[in-house]
């Protein structure tokens, strides 16, 4: 269902298989084709893989978008894009390497706690690979549950994994 209202959503893009930079670039094109306008995009960062496995480093980026879709319709579109890139969350292990990972970080100031969708993303305050690109584009954005700016969340983040700007 489309609301007709322009909604602001922040989306994290990640890839750690194949030509990671191409996949992030192509994913942004598919996001735009799906009717989700990219307003702002962070730099691309290379980061250690999160979780309990040894795998290739990720490239990550965060985009600020505008769309008329509900949060659940936005999620559906993003999952369709992941499938287009060969990812199927229904059959994957949580910590698998992936060609593409798309996560909704924020949707307006919504707080959604559903089995299929949690907004704000429940772990973003603990992950530098999300906070560093978010801080680059919206350091003063306030987390609607925690009441803290992104810059403050970054300074308090316990994550010790490396994150560095990616130079192709």
N, C-alpha and C. Protein backbone atom coordinates (compact mmCIF):
# COMPACT_ATOMS: atom_id res chain seq x y z
N UNK A 1 0.84 -1.19 0.00
CA UNK A 1 0.00 0.00 0.00
C UNK A 1 0.88 1.25 0.00
N UNK A 2 0.58 2.17 -0.88
CA UNK A 2 1.33 3.42 -0.94
C UNK A 2 0.59 4.48 -0.16
N UNK A 3 1.33 5.29 0.54
CA UNK A 3 0.71 6.30 1.38
C UNK A 3 0.55 7.63 0.66
N UNK A 4 1.30 7.88 -0.42
CA UNK A 4 1.25 9.16 -1.11
C UNK A 4 2.10 10.22 -0.44
N UNK A 5 2.45 9.99 0.82
CA UNK A 5 3.29 10.92 1.58
C UNK A 5 4.75 10.55 1.34
N UNK A 6 5.59 11.55 1.20
CA UNK A 6 7.01 11.27 1.02
C UNK A 6 7.64 10.94 2.37
N UNK A 7 8.17 9.75 2.45
CA UNK A 7 8.80 9.25 3.66
C UNK A 7 10.31 9.23 3.49
N UNK A 8 11.01 9.48 4.57
CA UNK A 8 12.47 9.44 4.56
C UNK A 8 12.91 8.13 5.23
N UNK A 9 13.71 7.37 4.51
CA UNK A 9 14.24 6.12 5.05
C UNK A 9 15.74 6.09 4.83
N UNK A 10 16.44 5.56 5.82
CA UNK A 10 17.88 5.35 5.71
C UNK A 10 18.10 3.86 5.53
N UNK A 11 18.90 3.52 4.52
CA UNK A 11 19.11 2.12 4.15
C UNK A 11 20.61 1.85 4.13
N UNK A 12 20.99 0.74 4.75
CA UNK A 12 22.39 0.30 4.73
C UNK A 12 22.53 -0.72 3.61
N UNK A 13 23.61 -0.57 2.82
CA UNK A 13 23.92 -1.52 1.75
C UNK A 13 25.25 -2.17 2.10
N UNK A 14 25.32 -3.48 1.93
CA UNK A 14 26.57 -4.19 2.20
C UNK A 14 26.78 -5.32 1.22
N UNK A 15 28.05 -5.64 0.95
CA UNK A 15 28.41 -6.75 0.07
C UNK A 15 29.78 -7.27 0.46
N UNK A 16 29.93 -8.61 0.49
CA UNK A 16 31.27 -9.16 0.72
C UNK A 16 31.57 -10.36 -0.17
N UNK A 17 30.90 -10.43 -1.31
CA UNK A 17 31.18 -11.48 -2.30
C UNK A 17 31.33 -10.85 -3.67
N UNK A 18 32.22 -11.40 -4.48
CA UNK A 18 32.37 -10.92 -5.85
C UNK A 18 32.89 -9.51 -5.91
N UNK A 19 32.46 -8.78 -6.95
CA UNK A 19 32.88 -7.38 -7.10
C UNK A 19 31.98 -6.51 -6.23
N UNK A 20 32.37 -6.38 -4.98
CA UNK A 20 31.54 -5.73 -3.97
C UNK A 20 31.10 -4.32 -4.35
N UNK A 21 32.01 -3.53 -4.89
CA UNK A 21 31.68 -2.15 -5.24
C UNK A 21 30.65 -2.11 -6.37
N UNK A 22 30.81 -2.97 -7.37
CA UNK A 22 29.82 -3.04 -8.45
C UNK A 22 28.45 -3.40 -7.91
N UNK A 23 28.40 -4.34 -6.98
CA UNK A 23 27.10 -4.77 -6.44
C UNK A 23 26.42 -3.63 -5.69
N UNK A 24 27.19 -2.85 -4.94
CA UNK A 24 26.60 -1.72 -4.23
C UNK A 24 26.10 -0.66 -5.22
N UNK A 25 26.90 -0.40 -6.25
CA UNK A 25 26.51 0.58 -7.27
C UNK A 25 25.26 0.12 -8.01
N UNK A 26 25.24 -1.15 -8.42
CA UNK A 26 24.08 -1.69 -9.13
C UNK A 26 22.85 -1.73 -8.23
N UNK A 27 23.04 -2.02 -6.95
CA UNK A 27 21.91 -2.03 -6.01
C UNK A 27 21.29 -0.64 -5.91
N UNK A 28 22.11 0.40 -5.89
CA UNK A 28 21.58 1.77 -5.84
C UNK A 28 20.75 2.06 -7.08
N UNK A 29 21.20 1.58 -8.24
CA UNK A 29 20.42 1.76 -9.48
C UNK A 29 19.08 1.05 -9.38
N UNK A 30 19.07 -0.17 -8.84
CA UNK A 30 17.82 -0.94 -8.70
C UNK A 30 16.89 -0.27 -7.68
N UNK A 31 17.45 0.30 -6.64
CA UNK A 31 16.65 1.01 -5.64
C UNK A 31 15.93 2.18 -6.31
N UNK A 32 16.66 2.93 -7.12
CA UNK A 32 16.05 4.06 -7.84
C UNK A 32 14.97 3.57 -8.82
N UNK A 33 15.25 2.47 -9.54
CA UNK A 33 14.27 1.90 -10.48
C UNK A 33 12.99 1.48 -9.76
N UNK A 34 13.12 1.09 -8.49
CA UNK A 34 11.96 0.64 -7.71
C UNK A 34 11.12 1.80 -7.19
N UNK A 35 11.50 3.03 -7.53
CA UNK A 35 10.72 4.19 -7.11
C UNK A 35 11.15 4.75 -5.77
N UNK A 36 12.37 4.44 -5.36
CA UNK A 36 12.93 4.94 -4.10
C UNK A 36 14.04 5.92 -4.47
N UNK A 37 13.80 7.19 -4.22
CA UNK A 37 14.74 8.23 -4.63
C UNK A 37 15.88 8.35 -3.62
N UNK A 38 17.11 8.27 -4.11
CA UNK A 38 18.27 8.45 -3.25
C UNK A 38 18.58 9.93 -3.16
N UNK A 39 18.51 10.47 -1.96
CA UNK A 39 18.75 11.90 -1.71
C UNK A 39 20.21 12.15 -1.37
N UNK A 40 20.79 11.23 -0.63
CA UNK A 40 22.15 11.40 -0.15
C UNK A 40 22.78 10.02 0.01
N UNK A 41 24.08 9.95 -0.24
CA UNK A 41 24.78 8.67 -0.13
C UNK A 41 26.11 8.89 0.59
N UNK A 42 26.42 8.00 1.51
CA UNK A 42 27.70 8.09 2.21
C UNK A 42 28.81 7.57 1.30
N UNK A 43 30.02 7.76 1.74
CA UNK A 43 31.15 7.09 1.11
C UNK A 43 30.98 5.59 1.31
N UNK A 44 31.80 4.82 0.62
CA UNK A 44 31.81 3.37 0.82
C UNK A 44 32.94 3.06 1.80
N UNK A 45 32.64 2.18 2.74
CA UNK A 45 33.60 1.80 3.77
C UNK A 45 33.86 0.30 3.71
N UNK A 46 35.09 -0.06 3.95
CA UNK A 46 35.43 -1.47 4.05
C UNK A 46 35.47 -1.84 5.53
N UNK A 47 34.85 -2.96 5.86
CA UNK A 47 34.72 -3.34 7.26
C UNK A 47 34.90 -4.84 7.43
N UNK A 48 35.38 -5.20 8.61
CA UNK A 48 35.45 -6.61 8.95
C UNK A 48 34.03 -7.16 9.01
N UNK A 49 33.88 -8.45 8.68
CA UNK A 49 32.58 -9.10 8.76
C UNK A 49 32.14 -9.19 10.22
N UNK A 50 30.87 -8.94 10.47
CA UNK A 50 30.28 -9.01 11.80
C UNK A 50 29.83 -10.45 12.04
N UNK A 51 29.90 -10.89 13.24
CA UNK A 51 29.39 -12.22 13.54
C UNK A 51 30.49 -13.18 13.95
N UNK A 52 30.16 -14.44 13.93
CA UNK A 52 31.04 -15.46 14.50
C UNK A 52 31.77 -16.29 13.45
N UNK A 53 31.96 -15.76 12.26
CA UNK A 53 32.60 -16.53 11.20
C UNK A 53 33.76 -15.77 10.60
N UNK A 54 34.66 -16.53 9.99
CA UNK A 54 35.76 -15.92 9.22
C UNK A 54 35.27 -15.77 7.79
N UNK A 55 35.15 -14.56 7.32
CA UNK A 55 34.74 -14.34 5.94
C UNK A 55 35.34 -13.04 5.42
N UNK A 56 35.18 -12.82 4.14
CA UNK A 56 35.75 -11.65 3.48
C UNK A 56 35.18 -10.36 4.07
N UNK A 57 35.98 -9.27 4.04
CA UNK A 57 35.48 -7.98 4.52
C UNK A 57 34.30 -7.49 3.66
N UNK A 58 33.46 -6.72 4.27
CA UNK A 58 32.32 -6.11 3.58
C UNK A 58 32.68 -4.74 3.06
N UNK A 59 31.99 -4.33 2.02
CA UNK A 59 31.89 -2.91 1.67
C UNK A 59 30.51 -2.50 2.13
N UNK A 60 30.42 -1.34 2.77
CA UNK A 60 29.15 -0.83 3.28
C UNK A 60 28.98 0.63 2.93
N UNK A 61 27.73 1.00 2.76
CA UNK A 61 27.37 2.39 2.51
C UNK A 61 25.98 2.61 3.08
N UNK A 62 25.64 3.85 3.38
CA UNK A 62 24.30 4.19 3.84
C UNK A 62 23.73 5.24 2.91
N UNK A 63 22.46 5.08 2.57
CA UNK A 63 21.78 6.06 1.73
C UNK A 63 20.58 6.63 2.46
N UNK A 64 20.35 7.90 2.22
CA UNK A 64 19.13 8.57 2.68
C UNK A 64 18.19 8.58 1.48
N UNK A 65 16.99 8.08 1.68
CA UNK A 65 16.06 7.94 0.56
C UNK A 65 14.73 8.62 0.86
N UNK A 66 13.99 8.82 -0.22
CA UNK A 66 12.64 9.35 -0.13
C UNK A 66 11.75 8.42 -0.93
N UNK A 67 10.62 8.03 -0.33
CA UNK A 67 9.70 7.14 -1.05
C UNK A 67 8.28 7.36 -0.56
N UNK A 68 7.34 6.82 -1.32
CA UNK A 68 5.93 6.91 -0.92
C UNK A 68 5.44 5.59 -0.35
N UNK A 69 6.33 4.64 -0.18
CA UNK A 69 5.94 3.32 0.29
C UNK A 69 5.83 3.26 1.81
N UNK A 70 4.96 2.38 2.28
CA UNK A 70 4.89 2.09 3.71
C UNK A 70 6.19 1.38 4.09
N UNK A 71 6.51 1.28 5.38
CA UNK A 71 7.73 0.57 5.77
C UNK A 71 7.74 -0.89 5.30
N UNK A 72 6.59 -1.55 5.35
CA UNK A 72 6.53 -2.95 4.95
C UNK A 72 6.65 -3.11 3.44
N UNK A 73 6.09 -2.16 2.69
CA UNK A 73 6.26 -2.20 1.22
C UNK A 73 7.70 -1.87 0.83
N UNK A 74 8.32 -0.97 1.56
CA UNK A 74 9.73 -0.66 1.31
C UNK A 74 10.57 -1.91 1.56
N UNK A 75 10.33 -2.60 2.66
CA UNK A 75 11.04 -3.84 2.96
C UNK A 75 10.85 -4.85 1.83
N UNK A 76 9.62 -5.00 1.36
CA UNK A 76 9.31 -5.94 0.27
C UNK A 76 10.14 -5.60 -0.97
N UNK A 77 10.20 -4.32 -1.32
CA UNK A 77 10.99 -3.90 -2.49
C UNK A 77 12.47 -4.22 -2.30
N UNK A 78 13.00 -3.95 -1.10
CA UNK A 78 14.41 -4.22 -0.84
C UNK A 78 14.72 -5.71 -0.89
N UNK A 79 13.82 -6.53 -0.36
CA UNK A 79 14.02 -7.98 -0.41
C UNK A 79 13.96 -8.49 -1.85
N UNK A 80 13.09 -7.89 -2.67
CA UNK A 80 13.04 -8.25 -4.10
C UNK A 80 14.36 -7.91 -4.79
N UNK A 81 14.96 -6.79 -4.43
CA UNK A 81 16.26 -6.41 -5.00
C UNK A 81 17.33 -7.40 -4.56
N UNK A 82 17.32 -7.78 -3.28
CA UNK A 82 18.28 -8.79 -2.81
C UNK A 82 18.14 -10.09 -3.60
N UNK A 83 16.91 -10.51 -3.84
CA UNK A 83 16.67 -11.75 -4.61
C UNK A 83 17.19 -11.60 -6.03
N UNK A 84 17.01 -10.43 -6.61
CA UNK A 84 17.53 -10.15 -7.95
C UNK A 84 19.04 -10.36 -8.01
N UNK A 85 19.72 -10.10 -6.90
CA UNK A 85 21.17 -10.28 -6.80
C UNK A 85 21.56 -11.67 -6.31
N UNK A 86 20.57 -12.55 -6.15
CA UNK A 86 20.86 -13.93 -5.79
C UNK A 86 20.78 -14.24 -4.31
N UNK A 87 20.27 -13.33 -3.53
CA UNK A 87 20.18 -13.58 -2.08
C UNK A 87 18.77 -14.00 -1.71
N UNK A 88 18.66 -15.02 -0.88
CA UNK A 88 17.37 -15.43 -0.36
C UNK A 88 17.50 -15.60 1.15
N UNK A 89 16.97 -14.64 1.90
CA UNK A 89 17.10 -14.66 3.36
C UNK A 89 16.44 -15.88 3.99
N UNK A 90 15.45 -16.45 3.31
CA UNK A 90 14.72 -17.58 3.88
C UNK A 90 15.56 -18.85 3.98
N UNK A 91 16.59 -18.96 3.14
CA UNK A 91 17.38 -20.19 3.15
C UNK A 91 18.82 -19.96 3.62
N UNK A 92 19.16 -18.74 3.97
CA UNK A 92 20.53 -18.42 4.35
C UNK A 92 20.75 -18.48 5.85
N UNK A 93 21.96 -18.83 6.20
CA UNK A 93 22.43 -18.70 7.57
C UNK A 93 22.61 -17.22 7.85
N UNK A 94 22.32 -16.79 9.05
CA UNK A 94 22.41 -15.37 9.42
C UNK A 94 23.78 -14.77 9.15
N UNK A 95 24.86 -15.53 9.30
CA UNK A 95 26.20 -14.99 9.18
C UNK A 95 26.88 -15.38 7.86
N UNK A 96 26.11 -15.75 6.85
CA UNK A 96 26.70 -16.13 5.56
C UNK A 96 27.28 -14.93 4.83
N UNK A 97 28.27 -15.22 3.96
CA UNK A 97 28.73 -14.18 3.04
C UNK A 97 27.57 -13.87 2.10
N UNK A 98 27.56 -12.65 1.59
CA UNK A 98 26.44 -12.28 0.73
C UNK A 98 26.85 -11.28 -0.33
N UNK A 99 26.22 -11.44 -1.48
CA UNK A 99 26.43 -10.50 -2.59
C UNK A 99 25.84 -9.15 -2.20
N UNK A 100 24.68 -9.18 -1.53
CA UNK A 100 24.00 -7.92 -1.20
C UNK A 100 23.20 -8.07 0.09
N UNK A 101 23.32 -7.06 0.92
CA UNK A 101 22.55 -6.97 2.15
C UNK A 101 21.95 -5.58 2.21
N UNK A 102 20.64 -5.48 2.31
CA UNK A 102 19.95 -4.20 2.39
C UNK A 102 19.13 -4.18 3.68
N UNK A 103 19.39 -3.20 4.53
CA UNK A 103 18.67 -3.10 5.80
C UNK A 103 18.11 -1.69 5.97
N UNK A 104 16.86 -1.62 6.41
CA UNK A 104 16.26 -0.33 6.76
C UNK A 104 16.75 0.03 8.16
N UNK A 105 17.39 1.18 8.28
CA UNK A 105 17.90 1.64 9.56
C UNK A 105 16.86 2.50 10.29
N UNK A 106 16.35 3.49 9.57
CA UNK A 106 15.31 4.37 10.09
C UNK A 106 14.27 4.58 9.00
N UNK A 107 13.04 4.83 9.41
CA UNK A 107 11.94 5.18 8.51
C UNK A 107 11.18 6.30 9.20
N UNK A 108 11.35 7.53 8.70
CA UNK A 108 10.85 8.72 9.41
C UNK A 108 11.32 8.60 10.86
N UNK A 109 10.42 8.81 11.80
CA UNK A 109 10.76 8.60 13.21
C UNK A 109 10.00 7.40 13.75
N UNK A 110 9.62 6.49 12.86
CA UNK A 110 8.80 5.34 13.22
C UNK A 110 9.53 4.40 14.16
N UNK A 111 8.74 3.79 15.02
CA UNK A 111 9.21 2.71 15.88
C UNK A 111 8.30 1.52 15.56
N UNK A 112 8.88 0.49 14.96
CA UNK A 112 8.12 -0.68 14.54
C UNK A 112 8.78 -1.92 15.13
N UNK A 113 7.99 -2.69 15.84
CA UNK A 113 8.48 -3.95 16.41
C UNK A 113 7.55 -5.05 15.91
N UNK A 114 7.97 -5.67 14.81
CA UNK A 114 7.19 -6.71 14.17
C UNK A 114 8.12 -7.89 13.91
N UNK A 115 7.55 -9.07 13.77
CA UNK A 115 8.35 -10.25 13.51
C UNK A 115 9.17 -10.10 12.22
N UNK A 116 8.63 -9.39 11.23
CA UNK A 116 9.30 -9.24 9.94
C UNK A 116 10.13 -7.97 9.82
N UNK A 117 9.87 -6.99 10.67
CA UNK A 117 10.53 -5.69 10.52
C UNK A 117 10.66 -4.99 11.86
N UNK A 118 11.89 -4.58 12.16
CA UNK A 118 12.13 -3.78 13.36
C UNK A 118 12.81 -2.48 12.95
N UNK A 119 12.17 -1.38 13.27
CA UNK A 119 12.70 -0.04 12.97
C UNK A 119 12.58 0.78 14.24
N UNK A 120 13.66 1.49 14.62
CA UNK A 120 14.99 1.50 14.04
C UNK A 120 15.62 0.11 14.08
N UNK A 121 16.60 -0.08 13.19
CA UNK A 121 17.30 -1.37 13.18
C UNK A 121 17.81 -1.62 14.60
N UNK A 122 17.53 -2.79 15.16
CA UNK A 122 17.81 -3.01 16.58
C UNK A 122 19.28 -3.03 16.98
N UNK A 123 20.20 -3.17 16.04
CA UNK A 123 21.62 -3.27 16.40
C UNK A 123 22.47 -2.12 15.89
N UNK A 124 21.87 -1.13 15.24
CA UNK A 124 22.69 -0.10 14.58
C UNK A 124 23.58 0.66 15.55
N UNK A 125 23.17 0.84 16.78
CA UNK A 125 23.98 1.60 17.76
C UNK A 125 25.22 0.83 18.19
N UNK A 126 25.29 -0.46 17.84
CA UNK A 126 26.44 -1.30 18.22
C UNK A 126 27.37 -1.60 17.06
N UNK A 127 27.13 -1.00 15.91
CA UNK A 127 27.88 -1.36 14.71
C UNK A 127 28.48 -0.13 14.04
N UNK A 128 29.80 -0.03 14.12
CA UNK A 128 30.48 1.12 13.50
C UNK A 128 30.30 1.14 11.99
N UNK A 129 30.17 -0.04 11.35
CA UNK A 129 30.01 -0.05 9.89
C UNK A 129 28.70 0.59 9.46
N UNK A 130 27.77 0.77 10.38
CA UNK A 130 26.53 1.49 10.12
C UNK A 130 26.67 2.94 10.60
N UNK A 131 27.20 3.11 11.79
CA UNK A 131 27.26 4.45 12.40
C UNK A 131 28.22 5.39 11.67
N UNK A 132 29.35 4.89 11.20
CA UNK A 132 30.32 5.78 10.53
C UNK A 132 29.72 6.37 9.25
N UNK A 133 29.14 5.55 8.35
CA UNK A 133 28.51 6.17 7.16
C UNK A 133 27.29 7.03 7.52
N UNK A 134 26.51 6.63 8.51
CA UNK A 134 25.37 7.45 8.94
C UNK A 134 25.87 8.79 9.47
N UNK A 135 26.92 8.76 10.27
CA UNK A 135 27.48 9.98 10.84
C UNK A 135 28.02 10.90 9.74
N UNK A 136 28.50 10.32 8.67
CA UNK A 136 29.01 11.13 7.56
C UNK A 136 27.90 11.98 6.94
N UNK A 137 26.69 11.41 6.82
CA UNK A 137 25.62 12.14 6.12
C UNK A 137 24.61 12.81 7.05
N UNK A 138 24.39 12.27 8.26
CA UNK A 138 23.41 12.88 9.18
C UNK A 138 23.87 12.76 10.64
N UNK A 139 24.97 13.43 11.01
CA UNK A 139 25.48 13.30 12.38
C UNK A 139 24.49 13.75 13.45
N UNK A 140 23.59 14.66 13.10
CA UNK A 140 22.65 15.20 14.09
C UNK A 140 21.29 14.50 14.10
N UNK A 141 21.14 13.47 13.28
CA UNK A 141 19.88 12.71 13.28
C UNK A 141 19.73 12.03 14.64
N UNK A 142 18.55 12.13 15.24
CA UNK A 142 18.32 11.58 16.56
C UNK A 142 17.63 10.22 16.45
N UNK A 143 18.21 9.23 17.10
CA UNK A 143 17.64 7.89 17.17
C UNK A 143 16.33 7.99 17.96
N UNK A 144 15.18 7.61 17.35
CA UNK A 144 13.90 7.84 18.02
C UNK A 144 13.68 7.04 19.31
N UNK A 145 14.37 5.95 19.48
CA UNK A 145 14.23 5.17 20.73
C UNK A 145 15.24 5.59 21.79
N UNK A 146 16.46 5.83 21.36
CA UNK A 146 17.54 6.12 22.30
C UNK A 146 17.67 7.60 22.63
N UNK A 147 17.08 8.46 21.79
CA UNK A 147 17.12 9.90 22.03
C UNK A 147 18.51 10.51 21.91
N UNK A 148 19.40 9.85 21.18
CA UNK A 148 20.77 10.35 21.01
C UNK A 148 21.05 10.59 19.53
N UNK A 149 21.91 11.59 19.27
CA UNK A 149 22.35 11.86 17.91
C UNK A 149 23.26 10.75 17.43
N UNK A 150 23.33 10.58 16.11
CA UNK A 150 24.21 9.56 15.52
C UNK A 150 25.66 9.80 15.97
N UNK A 151 26.09 11.05 15.99
CA UNK A 151 27.47 11.35 16.40
C UNK A 151 27.75 10.87 17.82
N UNK A 152 26.77 11.00 18.71
CA UNK A 152 26.94 10.54 20.09
C UNK A 152 26.95 9.01 20.14
N UNK A 153 26.05 8.38 19.38
CA UNK A 153 26.04 6.91 19.35
C UNK A 153 27.38 6.37 18.85
N UNK A 154 27.95 7.04 17.84
CA UNK A 154 29.24 6.62 17.32
C UNK A 154 30.33 6.75 18.38
N UNK A 155 30.32 7.86 19.10
CA UNK A 155 31.37 8.05 20.12
C UNK A 155 31.23 7.05 21.27
N UNK A 156 30.05 6.53 21.49
CA UNK A 156 29.80 5.57 22.58
C UNK A 156 29.83 4.12 22.10
N UNK A 157 29.98 3.89 20.81
CA UNK A 157 29.86 2.55 20.24
C UNK A 157 30.97 1.62 20.75
N UNK A 158 30.58 0.44 21.23
CA UNK A 158 31.57 -0.51 21.76
C UNK A 158 32.27 -1.35 20.68
N UNK A 159 31.83 -1.25 19.45
CA UNK A 159 32.36 -2.06 18.34
C UNK A 159 33.86 -1.75 18.14
N UNK A 160 34.67 -2.81 18.04
CA UNK A 160 36.11 -2.63 17.84
C UNK A 160 36.59 -3.13 16.48
N UNK A 161 35.66 -3.55 15.61
CA UNK A 161 36.06 -4.02 14.28
C UNK A 161 36.54 -2.83 13.43
N UNK A 162 37.48 -3.12 12.51
CA UNK A 162 38.01 -2.01 11.70
C UNK A 162 36.97 -1.55 10.68
N UNK A 163 36.97 -0.26 10.44
CA UNK A 163 36.14 0.37 9.41
C UNK A 163 37.02 1.44 8.78
N UNK A 164 37.20 1.37 7.45
CA UNK A 164 38.00 2.39 6.79
C UNK A 164 37.36 2.76 5.46
N UNK A 165 37.55 4.01 5.06
CA UNK A 165 37.02 4.46 3.78
C UNK A 165 37.63 3.59 2.68
N UNK A 166 36.80 3.17 1.75
CA UNK A 166 37.25 2.30 0.68
C UNK A 166 37.72 3.12 -0.50
N UNK A 167 38.91 2.84 -0.95
CA UNK A 167 39.47 3.49 -2.15
C UNK A 167 39.58 2.41 -3.22
N UNK A 168 38.80 2.57 -4.27
CA UNK A 168 38.77 1.54 -5.33
C UNK A 168 40.07 1.50 -6.10
